[in-house]
PDB file of N, CA and C in Angstrom:
ATOM      1  N   MET A   1     -15.190  -4.087  33.715  1.00  0.00           N
ATOM      2  CA  MET A   1     -14.375  -5.125  33.137  1.00  0.00           C
ATOM      3  C   MET A   1     -13.511  -4.497  32.055  1.00  0.00           C
ATOM      4  N   LEU A   2     -12.473  -3.885  32.508  1.00  0.00           N
ATOM      5  CA  LEU A   2     -11.615  -3.127  31.608  1.00  0.00           C
ATOM      6  C   LEU A   2     -10.799  -4.002  30.674  1.00  0.00           C
ATOM      7  N   ARG A   3     -10.491  -5.211  31.100  1.00  0.00           N
ATOM      8  CA  ARG A   3      -9.612  -6.069  30.295  1.00  0.00           C
ATOM      9  C   ARG A   3     -10.278  -7.344  29.822  1.00  0.00           C
ATOM     10  N   ARG A   4     -11.506  -7.566  30.184  1.00  0.00           N
ATOM     11  CA  ARG A   4     -12.162  -8.838  29.863  1.00  0.00           C
ATOM     12  C   ARG A   4     -13.003  -8.742  28.600  1.00  0.00           C
ATOM     13  N   ALA A   5     -12.366  -8.353  27.527  1.00  0.00           N
ATOM     14  CA  ALA A   5     -13.079  -8.254  26.252  1.00  0.00           C
ATOM     15  C   ALA A   5     -12.263  -8.934  25.171  1.00  0.00           C
ATOM     16  N   ASP A   6     -12.949  -9.379  24.167  1.00  0.00           N
ATOM     17  CA  ASP A   6     -12.319 -10.004  23.009  1.00  0.00           C
ATOM     18  C   ASP A   6     -11.490  -8.970  22.253  1.00  0.00           C
ATOM     19  N   GLU A   7     -10.448  -9.416  21.595  1.00  0.00           N
ATOM     20  CA  GLU A   7      -9.571  -8.524  20.829  1.00  0.00           C
ATOM     21  C   GLU A   7     -10.335  -7.718  19.769  1.00  0.00           C
ATOM     22  N   SER A   8     -11.455  -8.239  19.300  1.00  0.00           N
ATOM     23  CA  SER A   8     -12.225  -7.526  18.278  1.00  0.00           C
ATOM     24  C   SER A   8     -12.849  -6.239  18.824  1.00  0.00           C
ATOM     25  N   PHE A   9     -12.852  -6.089  20.147  1.00  0.00           N
ATOM     26  CA  PHE A   9     -13.401  -4.891  20.783  1.00  0.00           C
ATOM     27  C   PHE A   9     -12.324  -3.871  21.140  1.00  0.00           C
ATOM     28  N   ARG A  10     -11.121  -4.071  20.659  1.00  0.00           N
ATOM     29  CA  ARG A  10      -9.983  -3.224  21.001  1.00  0.00           C
ATOM     30  C   ARG A  10     -10.291  -1.737  20.821  1.00  0.00           C
ATOM     31  N   GLY A  11     -10.791  -1.327  19.667  1.00  0.00           N
ATOM     32  CA  GLY A  11     -11.084   0.081  19.399  1.00  0.00           C
ATOM     33  C   GLY A  11     -12.183   0.624  20.295  1.00  0.00           C
ATOM     34  N   VAL A  12     -13.230  -0.135  20.460  1.00  0.00           N
ATOM     35  CA  VAL A  12     -14.358   0.289  21.290  1.00  0.00           C
ATOM     36  C   VAL A  12     -13.925   0.426  22.745  1.00  0.00           C
ATOM     37  N   MET A  13     -13.182  -0.543  23.241  1.00  0.00           N
ATOM     38  CA  MET A  13     -12.724  -0.494  24.628  1.00  0.00           C
ATOM     39  C   MET A  13     -11.841   0.722  24.865  1.00  0.00           C
ATOM     40  N   SER A  14     -10.948   0.975  23.949  1.00  0.00           N
ATOM     41  CA  SER A  14     -10.058   2.131  24.080  1.00  0.00           C
ATOM     42  C   SER A  14     -10.866   3.429  24.127  1.00  0.00           C
ATOM     43  N   GLN A  15     -11.851   3.558  23.250  1.00  0.00           N
ATOM     44  CA  GLN A  15     -12.689   4.763  23.221  1.00  0.00           C
ATOM     45  C   GLN A  15     -13.508   4.907  24.494  1.00  0.00           C
ATOM     46  N   GLN A  16     -14.089   3.825  24.958  1.00  0.00           N
ATOM     47  CA  GLN A  16     -14.939   3.889  26.147  1.00  0.00           C
ATOM     48  C   GLN A  16     -14.137   4.230  27.400  1.00  0.00           C
ATOM     49  N   ILE A  17     -12.975   3.628  27.542  1.00  0.00           N
ATOM     50  CA  ILE A  17     -12.158   3.907  28.723  1.00  0.00           C
ATOM     51  C   ILE A  17     -11.624   5.336  28.657  1.00  0.00           C
ATOM     52  N   THR A  18     -11.257   5.789  27.470  1.00  0.00           N
ATOM     53  CA  THR A  18     -10.822   7.179  27.311  1.00  0.00           C
ATOM     54  C   THR A  18     -11.945   8.129  27.709  1.00  0.00           C
ATOM     55  N   HIS A  19     -13.159   7.809  27.330  1.00  0.00           N
ATOM     56  CA  HIS A  19     -14.314   8.638  27.712  1.00  0.00           C
ATOM     57  C   HIS A  19     -14.481   8.671  29.235  1.00  0.00           C
ATOM     58  N   LEU A  20     -14.312   7.538  29.886  1.00  0.00           N
ATOM     59  CA  LEU A  20     -14.407   7.498  31.352  1.00  0.00           C
ATOM     60  C   LEU A  20     -13.335   8.377  31.997  1.00  0.00           C
ATOM     61  N   ILE A  21     -12.121   8.311  31.477  1.00  0.00           N
ATOM     62  CA  ILE A  21     -11.032   9.134  32.008  1.00  0.00           C
ATOM     63  C   ILE A  21     -11.371  10.609  31.844  1.00  0.00           C
ATOM     64  N   GLU A  22     -11.885  10.981  30.682  1.00  0.00           N
ATOM     65  CA  GLU A  22     -12.272  12.380  30.442  1.00  0.00           C
ATOM     66  C   GLU A  22     -13.411  12.800  31.375  1.00  0.00           C
ATOM     67  N   ALA A  23     -14.363  11.900  31.616  1.00  0.00           N
ATOM     68  CA  ALA A  23     -15.483  12.213  32.506  1.00  0.00           C
ATOM     69  C   ALA A  23     -14.984  12.468  33.929  1.00  0.00           C
ATOM     70  N   CYS A  24     -13.918  11.798  34.318  1.00  0.00           N
ATOM     71  CA  CYS A  24     -13.365  11.982  35.668  1.00  0.00           C
ATOM     72  C   CYS A  24     -12.839  13.396  35.895  1.00  0.00           C
ATOM     73  N   GLU A  25     -12.632  14.150  34.824  1.00  0.00           N
ATOM     74  CA  GLU A  25     -12.182  15.533  34.963  1.00  0.00           C
ATOM     75  C   GLU A  25     -13.304  16.436  35.480  1.00  0.00           C
ATOM     76  N   LEU A  26     -14.550  15.980  35.357  1.00  0.00           N
ATOM     77  CA  LEU A  26     -15.691  16.732  35.880  1.00  0.00           C
ATOM     78  C   LEU A  26     -15.742  16.546  37.388  1.00  0.00           C
ATOM     79  N   ARG A  27     -15.960  17.624  38.106  1.00  0.00           N
ATOM     80  CA  ARG A  27     -15.887  17.541  39.572  1.00  0.00           C
ATOM     81  C   ARG A  27     -16.983  16.680  40.190  1.00  0.00           C
ATOM     82  N   HIS A  28     -18.081  16.484  39.485  1.00  0.00           N
ATOM     83  CA  HIS A  28     -19.171  15.686  40.044  1.00  0.00           C
ATOM     84  C   HIS A  28     -19.133  14.221  39.595  1.00  0.00           C
ATOM     85  N   VAL A  29     -18.059  13.824  38.901  1.00  0.00           N
ATOM     86  CA  VAL A  29     -17.944  12.446  38.425  1.00  0.00           C
ATOM     87  C   VAL A  29     -16.732  11.784  39.075  1.00  0.00           C
ATOM     88  N   ALA A  30     -16.935  10.617  39.627  1.00  0.00           N
ATOM     89  CA  ALA A  30     -15.839   9.827  40.183  1.00  0.00           C
ATOM     90  C   ALA A  30     -16.021   8.385  39.723  1.00  0.00           C
ATOM     91  N   VAL A  31     -14.974   7.816  39.193  1.00  0.00           N
ATOM     92  CA  VAL A  31     -14.983   6.421  38.774  1.00  0.00           C
ATOM     93  C   VAL A  31     -14.024   5.677  39.687  1.00  0.00           C
ATOM     94  N   HIS A  32     -14.493   4.584  40.264  1.00  0.00           N
ATOM     95  CA  HIS A  32     -13.680   3.771  41.157  1.00  0.00           C
ATOM     96  C   HIS A  32     -13.675   2.347  40.604  1.00  0.00           C
ATOM     97  N   VAL A  33     -12.504   1.855  40.260  1.00  0.00           N
ATOM     98  CA  VAL A  33     -12.355   0.543  39.637  1.00  0.00           C
ATOM     99  C   VAL A  33     -12.052  -0.503  40.700  1.00  0.00           C
ATOM    100  N   ILE A  34     -12.738  -1.620  40.603  1.00  0.00           N
ATOM    101  CA  ILE A  34     -12.447  -2.751  41.484  1.00  0.00           C
ATOM    102  C   ILE A  34     -11.383  -3.596  40.789  1.00  0.00           C
ATOM    103  N   PRO A  35     -10.251  -3.815  41.454  1.00  0.00           N
ATOM    104  CA  PRO A  35      -9.177  -4.584  40.819  1.00  0.00           C
ATOM    105  C   PRO A  35      -9.590  -6.033  40.560  1.00  0.00           C
ATOM    106  N   THR A  36      -8.977  -6.632  39.566  1.00  0.00           N
ATOM    107  CA  THR A  36      -9.319  -8.006  39.190  1.00  0.00           C
ATOM    108  C   THR A  36      -8.994  -9.012  40.299  1.00  0.00           C
ATOM    109  N   GLU A  37      -8.107  -8.632  41.221  1.00  0.00           N
ATOM    110  CA  GLU A  37      -7.779  -9.529  42.327  1.00  0.00           C
ATOM    111  C   GLU A  37      -8.980  -9.787  43.235  1.00  0.00           C
ATOM    112  N   VAL A  38      -9.949  -8.871  43.223  1.00  0.00           N
ATOM    113  CA  VAL A  38     -11.175  -9.048  44.003  1.00  0.00           C
ATOM    114  C   VAL A  38     -12.145  -9.818  43.111  1.00  0.00           C
ATOM    115  N   SER A  39     -12.184 -11.120  43.298  1.00  0.00           N
ATOM    116  CA  SER A  39     -12.941 -11.956  42.368  1.00  0.00           C
ATOM    117  C   SER A  39     -14.448 -11.915  42.593  1.00  0.00           C
ATOM    118  N   LEU A  40     -14.887 -11.796  43.839  1.00  0.00           N
ATOM    119  CA  LEU A  40     -16.313 -11.768  44.129  1.00  0.00           C
ATOM    120  C   LEU A  40     -16.645 -10.555  44.992  1.00  0.00           C
ATOM    121  N   HIS A  41     -17.719  -9.876  44.625  1.00  0.00           N
ATOM    122  CA  HIS A  41     -18.214  -8.759  45.424  1.00  0.00           C
ATOM    123  C   HIS A  41     -19.668  -8.512  45.054  1.00  0.00           C
ATOM    124  N   ILE A  42     -20.374  -7.783  45.881  1.00  0.00           N
ATOM    125  CA  ILE A  42     -21.818  -7.568  45.714  1.00  0.00           C
ATOM    126  C   ILE A  42     -22.153  -6.839  44.414  1.00  0.00           C
ATOM    127  N   GLY A  43     -21.215  -6.071  43.875  1.00  0.00           N
ATOM    128  CA  GLY A  43     -21.463  -5.347  42.631  1.00  0.00           C
ATOM    129  C   GLY A  43     -21.682  -6.245  41.428  1.00  0.00           C
ATOM    130  N   LEU A  44     -21.254  -7.486  41.523  1.00  0.00           N
ATOM    131  CA  LEU A  44     -21.438  -8.421  40.413  1.00  0.00           C
ATOM    132  C   LEU A  44     -22.867  -8.935  40.290  1.00  0.00           C
ATOM    133  N   THR A  45     -23.715  -8.643  41.277  1.00  0.00           N
ATOM    134  CA  THR A  45     -25.097  -9.119  41.217  1.00  0.00           C
ATOM    135  C   THR A  45     -25.955  -8.290  40.277  1.00  0.00           C
ATOM    136  N   GLY A  46     -25.440  -7.156  39.815  1.00  0.00           N
ATOM    137  CA  GLY A  46     -26.168  -6.345  38.849  1.00  0.00           C
ATOM    138  C   GLY A  46     -25.911  -4.868  39.042  1.00  0.00           C
ATOM    139  N   PRO A  47     -26.037  -4.122  37.950  1.00  0.00           N
ATOM    140  CA  PRO A  47     -25.757  -2.689  38.019  1.00  0.00           C
ATOM    141  C   PRO A  47     -26.891  -1.909  38.685  1.00  0.00           C
ATOM    142  N   PHE A  48     -26.521  -0.803  39.297  1.00  0.00           N
ATOM    143  CA  PHE A  48     -27.508   0.128  39.840  1.00  0.00           C
ATOM    144  C   PHE A  48     -26.906   1.518  39.838  1.00  0.00           C
ATOM    145  N   THR A  49     -27.777   2.501  39.866  1.00  0.00           N
ATOM    146  CA  THR A  49     -27.357   3.894  39.879  1.00  0.00           C
ATOM    147  C   THR A  49     -27.943   4.554  41.113  1.00  0.00           C
ATOM    148  N   LEU A  50     -27.146   5.372  41.770  1.00  0.00           N
ATOM    149  CA  LEU A  50     -27.609   6.180  42.894  1.00  0.00           C
ATOM    150  C   LEU A  50     -27.337   7.638  42.564  1.00  0.00           C
ATOM    151  N   ALA A  51     -28.285   8.483  42.856  1.00  0.00           N
ATOM    152  CA  ALA A  51     -28.112   9.921  42.629  1.00  0.00           C
ATOM    153  C   ALA A  51     -28.709  10.679  43.796  1.00  0.00           C
ATOM    154  N   ARG A  52     -28.069  11.782  44.122  1.00  0.00           N
ATOM    155  CA  ARG A  52     -28.571  12.639  45.202  1.00  0.00           C
ATOM    156  C   ARG A  52     -29.141  13.899  44.576  1.00  0.00           C
ATOM    157  N   GLY A  53     -30.352  14.232  44.955  1.00  0.00           N
ATOM    158  CA  GLY A  53     -31.020  15.412  44.436  1.00  0.00           C
ATOM    159  C   GLY A  53     -30.552  16.677  45.128  1.00  0.00           C
ATOM    160  N   GLY A  54     -31.007  17.808  44.631  1.00  0.00           N
ATOM    161  CA  GLY A  54     -30.675  19.101  45.204  1.00  0.00           C
ATOM    162  C   GLY A  54     -31.103  19.245  46.649  1.00  0.00           C
ATOM    163  N   ASP A  55     -32.124  18.483  47.034  1.00  0.00           N
ATOM    164  CA  ASP A  55     -32.606  18.537  48.421  1.00  0.00           C
ATOM    165  C   ASP A  55     -31.835  17.591  49.343  1.00  0.00           C
ATOM    166  N   GLY A  56     -30.854  16.889  48.789  1.00  0.00           N
ATOM    167  CA  GLY A  56     -30.048  15.963  49.593  1.00  0.00           C
ATOM    168  C   GLY A  56     -30.598  14.558  49.655  1.00  0.00           C
ATOM    169  N   GLY A  57     -31.794  14.345  49.107  1.00  0.00           N
ATOM    170  CA  GLY A  57     -32.402  13.018  49.121  1.00  0.00           C
ATOM    171  C   GLY A  57     -31.836  12.117  48.028  1.00  0.00           C
ATOM    172  N   TRP A  58     -31.870  10.825  48.287  1.00  0.00           N
ATOM    173  CA  TRP A  58     -31.351   9.843  47.345  1.00  0.00           C
ATOM    174  C   TRP A  58     -32.464   9.249  46.493  1.00  0.00           C
ATOM    175  N   VAL A  59     -32.089   8.838  45.296  1.00  0.00           N
ATOM    176  CA  VAL A  59     -32.957   8.071  44.419  1.00  0.00           C
ATOM    177  C   VAL A  59     -32.078   7.016  43.747  1.00  0.00           C
ATOM    178  N   GLY A  60     -32.648   5.860  43.519  1.00  0.00           N
ATOM    179  CA  GLY A  60     -31.914   4.781  42.870  1.00  0.00           C
ATOM    180  C   GLY A  60     -32.571   4.396  41.569  1.00  0.00           C
ATOM    181  N   TYR A  61     -31.815   3.687  40.741  1.00  0.00           N
ATOM    182  CA  TYR A  61     -32.338   3.228  39.461  1.00  0.00           C
ATOM    183  C   TYR A  61     -31.709   1.881  39.144  1.00  0.00           C
ATOM    184  N   LEU A  62     -32.547   0.913  38.827  1.00  0.00           N
ATOM    185  CA  LEU A  62     -32.099  -0.413  38.419  1.00  0.00           C
ATOM    186  C   LEU A  62     -32.487  -0.616  36.967  1.00  0.00           C
ATOM    187  N   GLU A  63     -31.556  -1.102  36.179  1.00  0.00           N
ATOM    188  CA  GLU A  63     -31.825  -1.310  34.761  1.00  0.00           C
ATOM    189  C   GLU A  63     -31.580  -2.772  34.413  1.00  0.00           C
ATOM    190  N   ASN A  64     -32.452  -3.306  33.592  1.00  0.00           N
ATOM    191  CA  ASN A  64     -32.266  -4.669  33.109  1.00  0.00           C
ATOM    192  C   ASN A  64     -32.668  -4.727  31.643  1.00  0.00           C
ATOM    193  N   GLN A  65     -32.695  -5.899  31.069  1.00  0.00           N
ATOM    194  CA  GLN A  65     -32.981  -6.047  29.646  1.00  0.00           C
ATOM    195  C   GLN A  65     -34.414  -5.690  29.273  1.00  0.00           C
ATOM    196  N   LEU A  66     -35.303  -5.631  30.230  1.00  0.00           N
ATOM    197  CA  LEU A  66     -36.701  -5.322  29.947  1.00  0.00           C
ATOM    198  C   LEU A  66     -37.075  -3.880  30.275  1.00  0.00           C
ATOM    199  N   GLY A  67     -36.169  -3.143  30.867  1.00  0.00           N
ATOM    200  CA  GLY A  67     -36.472  -1.756  31.220  1.00  0.00           C
ATOM    201  C   GLY A  67     -35.757  -1.340  32.486  1.00  0.00           C
ATOM    202  N   GLY A  68     -36.308  -0.346  33.151  1.00  0.00           N
ATOM    203  CA  GLY A  68     -35.689   0.160  34.366  1.00  0.00           C
ATOM    204  C   GLY A  68     -36.714   0.399  35.451  1.00  0.00           C
ATOM    205  N   THR A  69     -36.222   0.480  36.678  1.00  0.00           N
ATOM    206  CA  THR A  69     -37.080   0.697  37.828  1.00  0.00           C
ATOM    207  C   THR A  69     -36.499   1.812  38.683  1.00  0.00           C
ATOM    208  N   LEU A  70     -37.315   2.791  38.984  1.00  0.00           N
ATOM    209  CA  LEU A  70     -36.925   3.869  39.878  1.00  0.00           C
ATOM    210  C   LEU A  70     -37.085   3.391  41.319  1.00  0.00           C
ATOM    211  N   ILE A  71     -36.073   3.626  42.132  1.00  0.00           N
ATOM    212  CA  ILE A  71     -36.093   3.200  43.528  1.00  0.00           C
ATOM    213  C   ILE A  71     -36.172   4.444  44.410  1.00  0.00           C
ATOM    214  N   ASP A  72     -37.268   4.572  45.172  1.00  0.00           N
ATOM    215  CA  ASP A  72     -37.411   5.747  46.027  1.00  0.00           C
ATOM    216  C   ASP A  72     -37.897   5.413  47.438  1.00  0.00           C
ATOM    217  N   LYS A  73     -38.137   4.147  47.742  1.00  0.00           N
ATOM    218  CA  LYS A  73     -38.539   3.750  49.093  1.00  0.00           C
ATOM    219  C   LYS A  73     -37.307   3.754  49.992  1.00  0.00           C
ATOM    220  N   ASP A  74     -37.456   4.309  51.181  1.00  0.00           N
ATOM    221  CA  ASP A  74     -36.334   4.433  52.108  1.00  0.00           C
ATOM    222  C   ASP A  74     -35.631   3.103  52.380  1.00  0.00           C
ATOM    223  N   GLU A  75     -36.385   2.043  52.587  1.00  0.00           N
ATOM    224  CA  GLU A  75     -35.770   0.758  52.917  1.00  0.00           C
ATOM    225  C   GLU A  75     -34.992   0.184  51.728  1.00  0.00           C
ATOM    226  N   ASP A  76     -35.502   0.370  50.516  1.00  0.00           N
ATOM    227  CA  ASP A  76     -34.792  -0.098  49.327  1.00  0.00           C
ATOM    228  C   ASP A  76     -33.540   0.750  49.067  1.00  0.00           C
ATOM    229  N   LEU A  77     -33.662   2.048  49.279  1.00  0.00           N
ATOM    230  CA  LEU A  77     -32.509   2.932  49.118  1.00  0.00           C
ATOM    231  C   LEU A  77     -31.416   2.584  50.132  1.00  0.00           C
ATOM    232  N   ALA A  78     -31.810   2.229  51.348  1.00  0.00           N
ATOM    233  CA  ALA A  78     -30.838   1.838  52.365  1.00  0.00           C
ATOM    234  C   ALA A  78     -30.052   0.607  51.919  1.00  0.00           C
ATOM    235  N   ILE A  79     -30.721  -0.339  51.268  1.00  0.00           N
ATOM    236  CA  ILE A  79     -30.041  -1.538  50.757  1.00  0.00           C
ATOM    237  C   ILE A  79     -29.044  -1.151  49.675  1.00  0.00           C
ATOM    238  N   LEU A  80     -29.476  -0.315  48.727  1.00  0.00           N
ATOM    239  CA  LEU A  80     -28.569   0.096  47.650  1.00  0.00           C
ATOM    240  C   LEU A  80     -27.391   0.898  48.180  1.00  0.00           C
ATOM    241  N   LEU A  81     -27.635   1.790  49.127  1.00  0.00           N
ATOM    242  CA  LEU A  81     -26.539   2.571  49.708  1.00  0.00           C
ATOM    243  C   LEU A  81     -25.549   1.659  50.428  1.00  0.00           C
ATOM    244  N   SER A  82     -26.045   0.653  51.119  1.00  0.00           N
ATOM    245  CA  SER A  82     -25.176  -0.309  51.794  1.00  0.00           C
ATOM    246  C   SER A  82     -24.352  -1.096  50.779  1.00  0.00           C
ATOM    247  N   ARG A  83     -24.976  -1.497  49.695  1.00  0.00           N
ATOM    248  CA  ARG A  83     -24.256  -2.230  48.657  1.00  0.00           C
ATOM    249  C   ARG A  83     -23.205  -1.344  47.992  1.00  0.00           C
ATOM    250  N   TRP A  84     -23.546  -0.063  47.786  1.00  0.00           N
ATOM    251  CA  TRP A  84     -22.581   0.863  47.211  1.00  0.00           C
ATOM    252  C   TRP A  84     -21.357   0.981  48.119  1.00  0.00           C
ATOM    253  N   GLU A  85     -21.578   1.096  49.413  1.00  0.00           N
ATOM    254  CA  GLU A  85     -20.459   1.187  50.359  1.00  0.00           C
ATOM    255  C   GLU A  85     -19.605  -0.077  50.315  1.00  0.00           C
ATOM    256  N   SER A  86     -20.243  -1.214  50.145  1.00  0.00           N
ATOM    257  CA  SER A  86     -19.510  -2.471  50.030  1.00  0.00           C
ATOM    258  C   SER A  86     -18.640  -2.481  48.775  1.00  0.00           C
ATOM    259  N   VAL A  87     -19.200  -2.031  47.668  1.00  0.00           N
ATOM    260  CA  VAL A  87     -18.440  -1.946  46.418  1.00  0.00           C
ATOM    261  C   VAL A  87     -17.277  -0.971  46.585  1.00  0.00           C
ATOM    262  N   ARG A  88     -17.549   0.199  47.133  1.00  0.00           N
ATOM    263  CA  ARG A  88     -16.510   1.220  47.321  1.00  0.00           C
ATOM    264  C   ARG A  88     -15.385   0.729  48.223  1.00  0.00           C
ATOM    265  N   SER A  89     -15.718  -0.115  49.193  1.00  0.00           N
ATOM    266  CA  SER A  89     -14.678  -0.615  50.092  1.00  0.00           C
ATOM    267  C   SER A  89     -13.703  -1.534  49.366  1.00  0.00           C
ATOM    268  N   GLU A  90     -14.122  -2.130  48.267  1.00  0.00           N
ATOM    269  CA  GLU A  90     -13.258  -3.004  47.470  1.00  0.00           C
ATOM    270  C   GLU A  90     -12.542  -2.257  46.347  1.00  0.00           C
ATOM    271  N   ALA A  91     -13.063  -1.096  45.979  1.00  0.00           N
ATOM    272  CA  ALA A  91     -12.543  -0.357  44.823  1.00  0.00           C
ATOM    273  C   ALA A  91     -11.279   0.430  45.165  1.00  0.00           C
ATOM    274  N   LEU A  92     -10.513   0.701  44.117  1.00  0.00           N
ATOM    275  CA  LEU A  92      -9.336   1.559  44.255  1.00  0.00           C
ATOM    276  C   LEU A  92      -9.780   2.997  44.478  1.00  0.00           C
ATOM    277  N   PRO A  93      -8.965   3.803  45.138  1.00  0.00           N
ATOM    278  CA  PRO A  93      -9.278   5.229  45.253  1.00  0.00           C
ATOM    279  C   PRO A  93      -9.348   5.872  43.869  1.00  0.00           C
ATOM    280  N   ARG A  94      -9.965   7.034  43.793  1.00  0.00           N
ATOM    281  CA  ARG A  94     -10.204   7.733  42.526  1.00  0.00           C
ATOM    282  C   ARG A  94      -8.932   7.869  41.684  1.00  0.00           C
ATOM    283  N   ARG A  95      -7.874   8.419  42.243  1.00  0.00           N
ATOM    284  CA  ARG A  95      -6.639   8.661  41.487  1.00  0.00           C
ATOM    285  C   ARG A  95      -6.030   7.361  40.981  1.00  0.00           C
ATOM    286  N   GLN A  96      -6.005   6.315  41.820  1.00  0.00           N
ATOM    287  CA  GLN A  96      -5.464   5.030  41.386  1.00  0.00           C
ATOM    288  C   GLN A  96      -6.340   4.401  40.300  1.00  0.00           C
ATOM    289  N   SER A  97      -7.639   4.601  40.395  1.00  0.00           N
ATOM    290  CA  SER A  97      -8.548   4.090  39.361  1.00  0.00           C
ATOM    291  C   SER A  97      -8.257   4.751  38.019  1.00  0.00           C
ATOM    292  N   ILE A  98      -8.043   6.060  38.036  1.00  0.00           N
ATOM    293  CA  ILE A  98      -7.737   6.789  36.800  1.00  0.00           C
ATOM    294  C   ILE A  98      -6.419   6.298  36.218  1.00  0.00           C
ATOM    295  N   GLU A  99      -5.418   6.124  37.063  1.00  0.00           N
ATOM    296  CA  GLU A  99      -4.114   5.643  36.585  1.00  0.00           C
ATOM    297  C   GLU A  99      -4.239   4.240  35.982  1.00  0.00           C
ATOM    298  N   LEU A 100      -5.022   3.383  36.607  1.00  0.00           N
ATOM    299  CA  LEU A 100      -5.232   2.040  36.066  1.00  0.00           C
ATOM    300  C   LEU A 100      -5.928   2.119  34.714  1.00  0.00           C
ATOM    301  N   MET A 101      -6.939   2.978  34.599  1.00  0.00           N
ATOM    302  CA  MET A 101      -7.633   3.115  33.314  1.00  0.00           C
ATOM    303  C   MET A 101      -6.674   3.610  32.235  1.00  0.00           C
ATOM    304  N   LYS A 102      -5.772   4.516  32.571  1.00  0.00           N
ATOM    305  CA  LYS A 102      -4.784   4.999  31.601  1.00  0.00           C
ATOM    306  C   LYS A 102      -3.873   3.868  31.140  1.00  0.00           C
ATOM    307  N   GLU A 103      -3.445   3.020  32.071  1.00  0.00           N
ATOM    308  CA  GLU A 103      -2.613   1.869  31.712  1.00  0.00           C
ATOM    309  C   GLU A 103      -3.367   0.929  30.774  1.00  0.00           C
ATOM    310  N   VAL A 104      -4.637   0.693  31.086  1.00  0.00           N
ATOM    311  CA  VAL A 104      -5.435  -0.223  30.278  1.00  0.00           C
ATOM    312  C   VAL A 104      -5.650   0.338  28.876  1.00  0.00           C
ATOM    313  N   VAL A 105      -5.899   1.658  28.773  1.00  0.00           N
ATOM    314  CA  VAL A 105      -6.064   2.271  27.445  1.00  0.00           C
ATOM    315  C   VAL A 105      -4.811   2.048  26.603  1.00  0.00           C
ATOM    316  N   GLU A 106      -3.664   2.204  27.215  1.00  0.00           N
ATOM    317  CA  GLU A 106      -2.418   1.982  26.468  1.00  0.00           C
ATOM    318  C   GLU A 106      -2.332   0.528  25.999  1.00  0.00           C
ATOM    319  N   SER A 107      -2.776  -0.413  26.821  1.00  0.00           N
ATOM    320  CA  SER A 107      -2.721  -1.816  26.414  1.00  0.00           C
ATOM    321  C   SER A 107      -3.709  -2.124  25.294  1.00  0.00           C
ATOM    322  N   TRP A 108      -4.807  -1.377  25.206  1.00  0.00           N
ATOM    323  CA  TRP A 108      -5.792  -1.575  24.131  1.00  0.00           C
ATOM    324  C   TRP A 108      -5.381  -0.845  22.862  1.00  0.00           C
ATOM    325  N   SER A 109      -4.474   0.115  22.969  1.00  0.00           N
ATOM    326  CA  SER A 109      -4.064   0.917  21.795  1.00  0.00           C
ATOM    327  C   SER A 109      -3.027   0.203  20.961  1.00  0.00           C
TER     328      SER A 109
END
């Protein structure tokens, strides 16, 4: 939610988005932004993290206000991977996401 913050968060938003843009310079980091025109998508049901280990296997992580849960069961990982693909299908490509974040930083500055 790059633009859905109160004006009192102007400085924080600018810093956070700038940090995301800088992180995108790392070859193992990709940020894909879902445009505001996509009002509903599976990613709105809650955040999750997926990571691939050195052996090629996946692990997931769900975080909430009470803590976090490691996801390592194949069937649960399949659900998260499917949801990730759904989110990615709605998101802008990497380069367009970075350009959008740059535009938003300028609007917060």
